[in-house]
Amino acid sequence: MSLLELIAAADERGLAASAVACLDRCLPQPAEGSDPDPLRPLRAGCADGSGWPDRLAEVRAALEELLEATDGTSALSRKLLDAAPRDFSAAPLRAWADTCSLAALEIHCRFDAPGVDESESEDRTELLNRCRTEGPEGTGPLLAGELRRQIQILETLAETTGTAGSGAALRRVFDLSTEGRRVLRAVVSRQARGRA
């Protein structure tokens, strides 16, 4: 199944977890000494939505300072967090998961091709939409890896819905996301050193 088909078929648990995982990979590097996992409350609510509105408020408060910066990554992360629904139901979660998916792919695409000017952003949008329906052919390694990660996350969650292993599957999903976040931050750091 394509990424868009998996998002369309996912239940509330799958949508929430995939959106939180994408948001996790979009967050800027936290400041030294701050919480290394500010999305923990939302992660804990993905299984059944228990306390979701309160967990969402807690995460928004925790990330307020981190997302005050005006750089593109902070602005995008703030937009994704603002778009998170208070209602833990399929329709709003699906819209949020779709938005988070596209944003995470966009960030990975940007670092695959640093220095691409805005006149080429339409081509990038077309590429991202094609990837989500047809697969990673013709993309850079970061974008291809992110696309595979999102598909693997949604497939893992779909396979374990309602089973005894659903909690372990959520942990596996967030481990995959953490691994993806480390890869992206390493690339960002390497490119920043190259420009210095």
N, C-alpha and C. Protein backbone atom coordinates (compact mmCIF):
# COMPACT_ATOMS: atom_id res chain seq x y z
N MET A 1 0.83 -1.19 0.00
CA MET A 1 0.00 0.00 0.00
C MET A 1 0.87 1.25 0.00
N SER A 2 0.37 2.29 -0.62
CA SER A 2 1.10 3.56 -0.61
C SER A 2 0.95 4.23 0.76
N LEU A 3 1.76 5.23 1.01
CA LEU A 3 1.67 5.97 2.26
C LEU A 3 0.29 6.60 2.43
N LEU A 4 -0.24 7.20 1.38
CA LEU A 4 -1.56 7.82 1.49
C LEU A 4 -2.65 6.78 1.77
N GLU A 5 -2.52 5.59 1.17
CA GLU A 5 -3.51 4.53 1.44
C GLU A 5 -3.42 4.06 2.89
N LEU A 6 -2.21 3.97 3.41
CA LEU A 6 -2.05 3.56 4.81
C LEU A 6 -2.64 4.59 5.76
N ILE A 7 -2.45 5.87 5.47
CA ILE A 7 -3.04 6.92 6.30
C ILE A 7 -4.57 6.85 6.23
N ALA A 8 -5.09 6.61 5.04
CA ALA A 8 -6.54 6.54 4.86
C ALA A 8 -7.15 5.36 5.61
N ALA A 9 -6.38 4.27 5.76
CA ALA A 9 -6.91 3.06 6.40
C ALA A 9 -6.64 2.98 7.90
N ALA A 10 -5.80 3.86 8.43
CA ALA A 10 -5.37 3.76 9.83
C ALA A 10 -6.49 4.11 10.80
N ASP A 11 -6.43 3.49 11.99
CA ASP A 11 -7.38 3.82 13.05
C ASP A 11 -6.81 4.96 13.89
N GLU A 12 -7.54 5.36 14.93
CA GLU A 12 -7.14 6.50 15.75
C GLU A 12 -5.74 6.31 16.34
N ARG A 13 -5.47 5.12 16.86
CA ARG A 13 -4.16 4.83 17.45
C ARG A 13 -3.05 5.01 16.43
N GLY A 14 -3.24 4.45 15.25
CA GLY A 14 -2.23 4.54 14.20
C GLY A 14 -2.02 5.97 13.73
N LEU A 15 -3.11 6.71 13.59
CA LEU A 15 -3.02 8.10 13.14
C LEU A 15 -2.31 8.97 14.16
N ALA A 16 -2.69 8.82 15.43
CA ALA A 16 -2.07 9.63 16.48
C ALA A 16 -0.59 9.31 16.59
N ALA A 17 -0.25 8.03 16.63
CA ALA A 17 1.15 7.63 16.79
C ALA A 17 2.00 8.05 15.60
N SER A 18 1.47 7.91 14.39
CA SER A 18 2.26 8.31 13.22
C SER A 18 2.45 9.82 13.18
N ALA A 19 1.42 10.57 13.56
CA ALA A 19 1.54 12.04 13.59
C ALA A 19 2.55 12.48 14.64
N VAL A 20 2.47 11.91 15.84
CA VAL A 20 3.41 12.27 16.90
C VAL A 20 4.84 11.91 16.49
N ALA A 21 5.00 10.76 15.84
CA ALA A 21 6.33 10.35 15.39
C ALA A 21 6.87 11.32 14.34
N CYS A 22 6.03 11.75 13.41
CA CYS A 22 6.47 12.72 12.41
C CYS A 22 6.82 14.06 13.07
N LEU A 23 5.98 14.50 13.99
CA LEU A 23 6.25 15.74 14.71
C LEU A 23 7.58 15.65 15.45
N ASP A 24 7.85 14.50 16.04
CA ASP A 24 9.09 14.27 16.76
C ASP A 24 10.30 14.50 15.86
N ARG A 25 10.22 14.03 14.63
CA ARG A 25 11.34 14.18 13.70
C ARG A 25 11.45 15.60 13.15
N CYS A 26 10.38 16.38 13.28
CA CYS A 26 10.40 17.77 12.80
C CYS A 26 10.89 18.76 13.84
N LEU A 27 10.87 18.38 15.11
CA LEU A 27 11.25 19.32 16.17
C LEU A 27 12.71 19.74 16.05
N PRO A 28 12.99 21.00 16.33
CA PRO A 28 14.40 21.43 16.36
C PRO A 28 15.11 20.81 17.57
N GLN A 29 16.43 20.83 17.50
CA GLN A 29 17.25 20.29 18.60
C GLN A 29 16.93 21.05 19.89
N PRO A 30 16.56 20.35 20.98
CA PRO A 30 16.29 21.06 22.23
C PRO A 30 17.56 21.66 22.82
N ALA A 31 17.39 22.70 23.59
CA ALA A 31 18.52 23.37 24.24
C ALA A 31 19.14 22.43 25.28
N GLU A 32 20.40 22.66 25.54
CA GLU A 32 21.11 21.88 26.55
C GLU A 32 20.38 21.97 27.89
N GLY A 33 20.14 20.82 28.52
CA GLY A 33 19.49 20.80 29.82
C GLY A 33 17.97 20.74 29.78
N SER A 34 17.37 20.90 28.59
CA SER A 34 15.90 20.83 28.52
C SER A 34 15.47 19.37 28.32
N ASP A 35 14.19 19.12 28.43
CA ASP A 35 13.65 17.77 28.33
C ASP A 35 13.99 17.19 26.96
N PRO A 36 14.69 16.05 26.91
CA PRO A 36 15.05 15.47 25.62
C PRO A 36 13.85 14.81 24.91
N ASP A 37 12.77 14.59 25.63
CA ASP A 37 11.58 13.96 25.04
C ASP A 37 10.33 14.73 25.42
N PRO A 38 10.15 15.94 24.88
CA PRO A 38 9.00 16.75 25.28
C PRO A 38 7.66 16.20 24.80
N LEU A 39 7.69 15.24 23.87
CA LEU A 39 6.42 14.67 23.36
C LEU A 39 5.96 13.45 24.16
N ARG A 40 6.67 13.12 25.23
CA ARG A 40 6.34 11.93 26.02
C ARG A 40 4.86 11.87 26.43
N PRO A 41 4.25 12.96 26.90
CA PRO A 41 2.83 12.87 27.27
C PRO A 41 1.93 12.46 26.10
N LEU A 42 2.20 12.98 24.91
CA LEU A 42 1.39 12.60 23.75
C LEU A 42 1.64 11.16 23.37
N ARG A 43 2.89 10.72 23.44
CA ARG A 43 3.20 9.32 23.14
C ARG A 43 2.36 8.40 24.03
N ALA A 44 2.30 8.76 25.32
CA ALA A 44 1.57 7.93 26.28
C ALA A 44 0.08 7.89 25.99
N GLY A 45 -0.45 8.92 25.34
CA GLY A 45 -1.88 8.97 25.05
C GLY A 45 -2.28 8.33 23.74
N CYS A 46 -1.30 7.88 22.95
CA CYS A 46 -1.61 7.34 21.61
C CYS A 46 -2.37 6.02 21.65
N ALA A 47 -2.17 5.23 22.68
CA ALA A 47 -2.78 3.90 22.72
C ALA A 47 -4.30 3.97 22.68
N ASP A 48 -4.88 4.84 23.51
CA ASP A 48 -6.35 4.87 23.57
C ASP A 48 -6.92 6.29 23.68
N GLY A 49 -6.05 7.27 23.60
CA GLY A 49 -6.52 8.65 23.66
C GLY A 49 -6.86 9.14 25.05
N SER A 50 -6.51 8.35 26.08
CA SER A 50 -6.86 8.76 27.44
C SER A 50 -6.17 10.06 27.81
N GLY A 51 -6.96 11.02 28.24
CA GLY A 51 -6.42 12.31 28.65
C GLY A 51 -5.79 13.11 27.52
N TRP A 52 -6.15 12.81 26.28
CA TRP A 52 -5.51 13.45 25.13
C TRP A 52 -5.51 14.99 25.20
N PRO A 53 -6.64 15.66 25.47
CA PRO A 53 -6.61 17.13 25.50
C PRO A 53 -5.64 17.68 26.54
N ASP A 54 -5.59 17.05 27.72
CA ASP A 54 -4.68 17.51 28.77
C ASP A 54 -3.23 17.24 28.39
N ARG A 55 -2.99 16.10 27.78
CA ARG A 55 -1.63 15.75 27.35
C ARG A 55 -1.16 16.74 26.27
N LEU A 56 -2.06 17.08 25.37
CA LEU A 56 -1.74 18.02 24.30
C LEU A 56 -1.40 19.40 24.88
N ALA A 57 -2.18 19.85 25.84
CA ALA A 57 -1.91 21.13 26.49
C ALA A 57 -0.56 21.11 27.20
N GLU A 58 -0.24 20.00 27.84
CA GLU A 58 1.04 19.86 28.54
C GLU A 58 2.22 19.97 27.57
N VAL A 59 2.09 19.30 26.42
CA VAL A 59 3.16 19.33 25.42
C VAL A 59 3.30 20.73 24.81
N ARG A 60 2.18 21.37 24.54
CA ARG A 60 2.24 22.73 23.98
C ARG A 60 2.95 23.67 24.95
N ALA A 61 2.66 23.55 26.24
CA ALA A 61 3.32 24.40 27.24
C ALA A 61 4.81 24.08 27.32
N ALA A 62 5.15 22.79 27.26
CA ALA A 62 6.55 22.39 27.36
C ALA A 62 7.38 22.85 26.17
N LEU A 63 6.75 22.93 25.01
CA LEU A 63 7.48 23.29 23.78
C LEU A 63 7.43 24.78 23.45
N GLU A 64 6.72 25.54 24.24
CA GLU A 64 6.53 26.96 23.93
C GLU A 64 7.87 27.68 23.73
N GLU A 65 8.80 27.48 24.65
CA GLU A 65 10.08 28.18 24.56
C GLU A 65 10.91 27.67 23.38
N LEU A 66 10.95 26.36 23.19
CA LEU A 66 11.74 25.77 22.10
C LEU A 66 11.27 26.28 20.74
N LEU A 67 9.95 26.46 20.59
CA LEU A 67 9.39 26.83 19.29
C LEU A 67 9.21 28.33 19.11
N GLU A 68 9.81 29.14 20.01
CA GLU A 68 9.73 30.60 19.88
C GLU A 68 10.61 31.12 18.76
N ALA A 69 11.64 30.38 18.39
CA ALA A 69 12.57 30.83 17.35
C ALA A 69 11.81 31.04 16.04
N THR A 70 12.39 31.86 15.18
CA THR A 70 11.71 32.20 13.93
C THR A 70 12.24 31.42 12.73
N ASP A 71 13.14 30.47 12.98
CA ASP A 71 13.66 29.69 11.84
C ASP A 71 12.56 28.80 11.27
N GLY A 72 12.79 28.28 10.08
CA GLY A 72 11.78 27.50 9.37
C GLY A 72 11.34 26.25 10.10
N THR A 73 12.29 25.55 10.74
CA THR A 73 11.96 24.31 11.44
C THR A 73 11.07 24.58 12.64
N SER A 74 11.39 25.60 13.42
CA SER A 74 10.57 25.94 14.59
C SER A 74 9.18 26.37 14.17
N ALA A 75 9.10 27.18 13.12
CA ALA A 75 7.80 27.65 12.64
C ALA A 75 6.95 26.49 12.16
N LEU A 76 7.56 25.55 11.45
CA LEU A 76 6.82 24.38 10.96
C LEU A 76 6.36 23.51 12.12
N SER A 77 7.24 23.28 13.09
CA SER A 77 6.88 22.47 14.26
C SER A 77 5.74 23.12 15.03
N ARG A 78 5.80 24.44 15.19
CA ARG A 78 4.74 25.16 15.89
C ARG A 78 3.41 25.01 15.15
N LYS A 79 3.47 25.10 13.83
CA LYS A 79 2.26 24.95 13.00
C LYS A 79 1.67 23.54 13.17
N LEU A 80 2.53 22.53 13.19
CA LEU A 80 2.05 21.14 13.35
C LEU A 80 1.44 20.94 14.73
N LEU A 81 2.08 21.47 15.75
CA LEU A 81 1.56 21.33 17.10
C LEU A 81 0.23 22.07 17.26
N ASP A 82 0.14 23.25 16.66
CA ASP A 82 -1.12 24.01 16.70
C ASP A 82 -2.25 23.27 15.98
N ALA A 83 -1.89 22.49 14.96
CA ALA A 83 -2.90 21.76 14.19
C ALA A 83 -3.38 20.48 14.88
N ALA A 84 -2.69 20.07 15.93
CA ALA A 84 -3.07 18.83 16.63
C ALA A 84 -4.47 18.95 17.19
N PRO A 85 -5.33 17.99 16.90
CA PRO A 85 -6.72 18.09 17.38
C PRO A 85 -6.86 17.73 18.85
N ARG A 86 -7.76 18.41 19.52
CA ARG A 86 -8.10 18.06 20.91
C ARG A 86 -8.99 16.83 20.95
N ASP A 87 -9.67 16.59 19.85
CA ASP A 87 -10.60 15.47 19.75
C ASP A 87 -9.87 14.23 19.23
N PHE A 88 -9.83 13.17 20.04
CA PHE A 88 -9.15 11.94 19.64
C PHE A 88 -10.11 11.06 18.84
N SER A 89 -10.39 11.49 17.62
CA SER A 89 -11.27 10.71 16.74
C SER A 89 -10.67 10.70 15.33
N ALA A 90 -11.13 9.76 14.52
CA ALA A 90 -10.48 9.46 13.25
C ALA A 90 -10.35 10.65 12.30
N ALA A 91 -11.41 11.38 12.06
CA ALA A 91 -11.36 12.43 11.03
C ALA A 91 -10.33 13.52 11.35
N PRO A 92 -10.37 14.14 12.53
CA PRO A 92 -9.35 15.17 12.80
C PRO A 92 -7.94 14.60 12.93
N LEU A 93 -7.81 13.39 13.48
CA LEU A 93 -6.49 12.78 13.59
C LEU A 93 -5.93 12.44 12.20
N ARG A 94 -6.80 12.02 11.28
CA ARG A 94 -6.34 11.70 9.92
C ARG A 94 -5.80 12.97 9.23
N ALA A 95 -6.52 14.07 9.38
CA ALA A 95 -6.06 15.33 8.78
C ALA A 95 -4.71 15.74 9.38
N TRP A 96 -4.57 15.58 10.70
CA TRP A 96 -3.32 15.94 11.36
C TRP A 96 -2.19 15.01 10.93
N ALA A 97 -2.45 13.72 10.87
CA ALA A 97 -1.42 12.75 10.46
C ALA A 97 -0.95 13.05 9.04
N ASP A 98 -1.89 13.41 8.17
CA ASP A 98 -1.53 13.73 6.79
C ASP A 98 -0.63 14.97 6.74
N THR A 99 -0.99 16.00 7.49
CA THR A 99 -0.21 17.24 7.54
C THR A 99 1.19 16.97 8.10
N CYS A 100 1.27 16.18 9.17
CA CYS A 100 2.57 15.87 9.78
C CYS A 100 3.43 15.03 8.85
N SER A 101 2.81 14.10 8.15
CA SER A 101 3.53 13.26 7.19
C SER A 101 4.19 14.12 6.11
N LEU A 102 3.41 14.99 5.53
CA LEU A 102 3.92 15.85 4.46
C LEU A 102 5.03 16.77 4.98
N ALA A 103 4.86 17.30 6.18
CA ALA A 103 5.87 18.20 6.75
C ALA A 103 7.19 17.46 6.99
N ALA A 104 7.12 16.26 7.53
CA ALA A 104 8.34 15.49 7.79
C ALA A 104 9.05 15.16 6.47
N LEU A 105 8.29 14.81 5.45
CA LEU A 105 8.90 14.55 4.15
C LEU A 105 9.54 15.82 3.58
N GLU A 106 8.86 16.93 3.75
CA GLU A 106 9.37 18.22 3.25
C GLU A 106 10.72 18.56 3.90
N ILE A 107 10.82 18.39 5.21
CA ILE A 107 12.07 18.69 5.90
C ILE A 107 13.19 17.78 5.40
N HIS A 108 12.91 16.50 5.24
CA HIS A 108 13.93 15.58 4.76
C HIS A 108 14.34 15.92 3.33
N CYS A 109 13.38 16.32 2.52
CA CYS A 109 13.68 16.71 1.14
C CYS A 109 14.58 17.95 1.11
N ARG A 110 14.31 18.91 1.98
CA ARG A 110 15.12 20.13 2.05
C ARG A 110 16.59 19.82 2.32
N PHE A 111 16.83 18.87 3.23
CA PHE A 111 18.22 18.56 3.57
C PHE A 111 18.85 17.57 2.60
N ASP A 112 18.03 16.91 1.78
CA ASP A 112 18.57 16.12 0.67
C ASP A 112 19.15 17.04 -0.39
N ALA A 113 18.51 18.20 -0.56
CA ALA A 113 18.93 19.15 -1.60
C ALA A 113 19.05 20.54 -0.99
N PRO A 114 20.06 20.76 -0.14
CA PRO A 114 20.20 22.08 0.48
C PRO A 114 20.47 23.15 -0.57
N GLY A 115 19.96 24.35 -0.31
CA GLY A 115 20.21 25.46 -1.22
C GLY A 115 19.23 25.57 -2.36
N VAL A 116 18.22 24.68 -2.41
CA VAL A 116 17.22 24.78 -3.46
C VAL A 116 16.41 26.04 -3.23
N ASP A 117 16.26 26.87 -4.26
CA ASP A 117 15.55 28.14 -4.05
C ASP A 117 14.04 27.95 -4.16
N GLU A 118 13.33 28.98 -3.76
CA GLU A 118 11.87 28.90 -3.68
C GLU A 118 11.22 28.65 -5.04
N SER A 119 11.88 29.05 -6.12
CA SER A 119 11.30 28.82 -7.45
C SER A 119 11.16 27.34 -7.75
N GLU A 120 11.91 26.52 -7.03
CA GLU A 120 11.83 25.07 -7.25
C GLU A 120 10.92 24.39 -6.24
N SER A 121 10.26 25.16 -5.38
CA SER A 121 9.42 24.55 -4.34
C SER A 121 8.21 23.85 -4.94
N GLU A 122 7.73 24.32 -6.09
CA GLU A 122 6.60 23.65 -6.74
C GLU A 122 7.01 22.26 -7.20
N ASP A 123 8.24 22.14 -7.74
CA ASP A 123 8.74 20.82 -8.13
C ASP A 123 8.85 19.91 -6.91
N ARG A 124 9.27 20.47 -5.78
CA ARG A 124 9.41 19.69 -4.56
C ARG A 124 8.05 19.19 -4.10
N THR A 125 7.04 20.05 -4.15
CA THR A 125 5.68 19.65 -3.75
C THR A 125 5.18 18.51 -4.63
N GLU A 126 5.44 18.62 -5.91
CA GLU A 126 5.03 17.56 -6.84
C GLU A 126 5.75 16.26 -6.51
N LEU A 127 7.05 16.34 -6.21
CA LEU A 127 7.83 15.17 -5.85
C LEU A 127 7.28 14.51 -4.58
N LEU A 128 6.98 15.32 -3.56
CA LEU A 128 6.46 14.76 -2.31
C LEU A 128 5.11 14.09 -2.52
N ASN A 129 4.25 14.71 -3.29
CA ASN A 129 2.94 14.09 -3.56
C ASN A 129 3.10 12.79 -4.33
N ARG A 130 4.01 12.76 -5.28
CA ARG A 130 4.26 11.52 -6.04
C ARG A 130 4.79 10.43 -5.12
N CYS A 131 5.73 10.78 -4.24
CA CYS A 131 6.29 9.80 -3.31
C CYS A 131 5.21 9.16 -2.45
N ARG A 132 4.29 9.97 -2.00
CA ARG A 132 3.26 9.45 -1.08
C ARG A 132 2.27 8.53 -1.79
N THR A 133 2.21 8.60 -3.10
CA THR A 133 1.31 7.69 -3.83
C THR A 133 2.04 6.58 -4.57
N GLU A 134 3.28 6.86 -5.02
CA GLU A 134 3.97 5.90 -5.89
C GLU A 134 5.23 5.29 -5.30
N GLY A 135 5.83 5.92 -4.30
CA GLY A 135 7.05 5.37 -3.72
C GLY A 135 8.24 6.28 -3.91
N PRO A 136 9.42 5.84 -3.43
CA PRO A 136 10.59 6.73 -3.34
C PRO A 136 11.46 6.83 -4.59
N GLU A 137 11.07 6.22 -5.69
CA GLU A 137 11.94 6.24 -6.87
C GLU A 137 12.29 7.67 -7.27
N GLY A 138 13.58 7.90 -7.54
CA GLY A 138 14.03 9.20 -8.00
C GLY A 138 14.22 10.23 -6.91
N THR A 139 14.20 9.80 -5.65
CA THR A 139 14.38 10.74 -4.54
C THR A 139 15.77 10.59 -3.94
N GLY A 140 16.15 11.54 -3.11
CA GLY A 140 17.42 11.45 -2.40
C GLY A 140 17.32 10.48 -1.24
N PRO A 141 18.46 10.14 -0.64
CA PRO A 141 18.47 9.13 0.44
C PRO A 141 17.70 9.53 1.69
N LEU A 142 17.74 10.80 2.07
CA LEU A 142 17.01 11.22 3.28
C LEU A 142 15.51 11.10 3.07
N LEU A 143 15.04 11.58 1.94
CA LEU A 143 13.60 11.53 1.65
C LEU A 143 13.13 10.09 1.50
N ALA A 144 13.90 9.28 0.81
CA ALA A 144 13.53 7.86 0.64
C ALA A 144 13.47 7.16 1.99
N GLY A 145 14.45 7.45 2.87
CA GLY A 145 14.46 6.84 4.19
C GLY A 145 13.27 7.27 5.02
N GLU A 146 12.90 8.54 4.95
CA GLU A 146 11.75 9.03 5.71
C GLU A 146 10.46 8.42 5.20
N LEU A 147 10.33 8.29 3.89
CA LEU A 147 9.14 7.67 3.32
C LEU A 147 9.02 6.21 3.79
N ARG A 148 10.12 5.46 3.72
CA ARG A 148 10.10 4.07 4.19
C ARG A 148 9.76 4.00 5.67
N ARG A 149 10.30 4.94 6.46
CA ARG A 149 10.04 4.96 7.91
C ARG A 149 8.55 5.17 8.18
N GLN A 150 7.95 6.14 7.50
CA GLN A 150 6.52 6.41 7.71
C GLN A 150 5.68 5.20 7.33
N ILE A 151 6.02 4.55 6.23
CA ILE A 151 5.27 3.36 5.80
C ILE A 151 5.44 2.25 6.83
N GLN A 152 6.67 2.02 7.28
CA GLN A 152 6.92 0.97 8.27
C GLN A 152 6.16 1.22 9.57
N ILE A 153 6.11 2.47 9.99
CA ILE A 153 5.39 2.83 11.22
C ILE A 153 3.90 2.51 11.07
N LEU A 154 3.29 2.94 9.99
CA LEU A 154 1.86 2.70 9.79
C LEU A 154 1.56 1.21 9.61
N GLU A 155 2.43 0.47 8.91
CA GLU A 155 2.21 -0.96 8.74
C GLU A 155 2.34 -1.69 10.07
N THR A 156 3.32 -1.33 10.87
CA THR A 156 3.50 -1.95 12.19
C THR A 156 2.27 -1.74 13.06
N LEU A 157 1.75 -0.52 13.05
CA LEU A 157 0.58 -0.21 13.87
C LEU A 157 -0.67 -0.94 13.35
N ALA A 158 -0.83 -1.01 12.04
CA ALA A 158 -1.99 -1.69 11.46
C ALA A 158 -1.98 -3.18 11.78
N GLU A 159 -0.79 -3.79 11.75
CA GLU A 159 -0.67 -5.23 12.00
C GLU A 159 -0.95 -5.60 13.45
N THR A 160 -0.81 -4.65 14.36
CA THR A 160 -0.93 -4.98 15.78
C THR A 160 -2.17 -4.37 16.43
N THR A 161 -3.05 -3.78 15.67
CA THR A 161 -4.26 -3.18 16.23
C THR A 161 -5.07 -4.25 16.97
N GLY A 162 -5.39 -3.97 18.21
CA GLY A 162 -6.24 -4.88 18.99
C GLY A 162 -5.56 -6.15 19.44
N THR A 163 -4.25 -6.26 19.30
CA THR A 163 -3.57 -7.48 19.72
C THR A 163 -2.86 -7.25 21.05
N ALA A 164 -2.39 -8.34 21.63
CA ALA A 164 -1.67 -8.24 22.91
C ALA A 164 -0.36 -7.50 22.75
N GLY A 165 0.17 -7.46 21.52
CA GLY A 165 1.45 -6.79 21.28
C GLY A 165 1.33 -5.34 20.88
N SER A 166 0.16 -4.74 21.06
CA SER A 166 -0.01 -3.36 20.59
C SER A 166 0.85 -2.37 21.35
N GLY A 167 1.07 -2.59 22.64
CA GLY A 167 1.94 -1.70 23.42
C GLY A 167 3.39 -1.79 22.96
N ALA A 168 3.84 -3.02 22.69
CA ALA A 168 5.21 -3.21 22.20
C ALA A 168 5.36 -2.57 20.82
N ALA A 169 4.31 -2.63 20.01
CA ALA A 169 4.36 -2.03 18.68
C ALA A 169 4.52 -0.52 18.78
N LEU A 170 3.83 0.11 19.72
CA LEU A 170 3.98 1.55 19.91
C LEU A 170 5.41 1.90 20.32
N ARG A 171 5.99 1.09 21.21
CA ARG A 171 7.39 1.34 21.60
C ARG A 171 8.31 1.20 20.40
N ARG A 172 8.07 0.19 19.56
CA ARG A 172 8.89 -0.02 18.36
C ARG A 172 8.76 1.17 17.41
N VAL A 173 7.56 1.68 17.25
CA VAL A 173 7.31 2.82 16.38
C VAL A 173 8.09 4.04 16.87
N PHE A 174 8.06 4.29 18.16
CA PHE A 174 8.75 5.47 18.67
C PHE A 174 10.26 5.27 18.66
N ASP A 175 10.73 4.02 18.75
CA ASP A 175 12.16 3.75 18.57
C ASP A 175 12.58 4.06 17.13
N LEU A 176 11.75 3.67 16.17
CA LEU A 176 12.02 3.98 14.76
C LEU A 176 12.09 5.49 14.55
N SER A 177 11.19 6.20 15.19
CA SER A 177 11.15 7.65 15.05
C SER A 177 12.40 8.29 15.65
N THR A 178 12.81 7.80 16.81
CA THR A 178 14.02 8.32 17.46
C THR A 178 15.24 8.10 16.57
N GLU A 179 15.32 6.93 15.97
CA GLU A 179 16.42 6.63 15.06
C GLU A 179 16.41 7.60 13.87
N GLY A 180 15.23 7.86 13.32
CA GLY A 180 15.11 8.80 12.21
C GLY A 180 15.49 10.22 12.61
N ARG A 181 15.09 10.61 13.82
CA ARG A 181 15.44 11.94 14.31
C ARG A 181 16.95 12.10 14.43
N ARG A 182 17.63 11.07 14.93
CA ARG A 182 19.10 11.12 15.06
C ARG A 182 19.77 11.25 13.70
N VAL A 183 19.28 10.51 12.72
CA VAL A 183 19.85 10.58 11.37
C VAL A 183 19.70 12.00 10.82
N LEU A 184 18.51 12.56 10.92
CA LEU A 184 18.27 13.90 10.38
C LEU A 184 19.12 14.95 11.10
N ARG A 185 19.17 14.87 12.42
CA ARG A 185 19.96 15.86 13.17
C ARG A 185 21.45 15.76 12.84
N ALA A 186 21.92 14.54 12.59
CA ALA A 186 23.34 14.38 12.20
C ALA A 186 23.60 15.05 10.86
N VAL A 187 22.67 14.90 9.92
CA VAL A 187 22.82 15.53 8.60
C VAL A 187 22.77 17.05 8.73
N VAL A 188 21.82 17.55 9.51
CA VAL A 188 21.69 19.00 9.71
C VAL A 188 22.99 19.55 10.32
N SER A 189 23.52 18.87 11.32
CA SER A 189 24.74 19.31 11.99
C SER A 189 25.92 19.29 11.01
N ARG A 190 26.02 18.24 10.22
CA ARG A 190 27.12 18.12 9.26
C ARG A 190 27.04 19.24 8.21
N GLN A 191 25.84 19.53 7.72
CA GLN A 191 25.68 20.60 6.73
C GLN A 191 25.99 21.96 7.34
N ALA A 192 25.60 22.16 8.60
CA ALA A 192 25.89 23.45 9.27
C ALA A 192 27.40 23.62 9.43
N ARG A 193 28.11 22.56 9.78
CA ARG A 193 29.57 22.64 9.90
C ARG A 193 30.22 22.93 8.55
N GLY A 194 29.64 22.36 7.50
CA GLY A 194 30.17 22.58 6.14
C GLY A 194 30.02 24.02 5.69
N ARG A 195 28.98 24.70 6.19
CA ARG A 195 28.76 26.11 5.80
C ARG A 195 29.61 27.07 6.64
N ALA A 196 30.07 26.58 7.82
CA ALA A 196 30.82 27.45 8.73
C ALA A 196 32.22 27.73 8.25
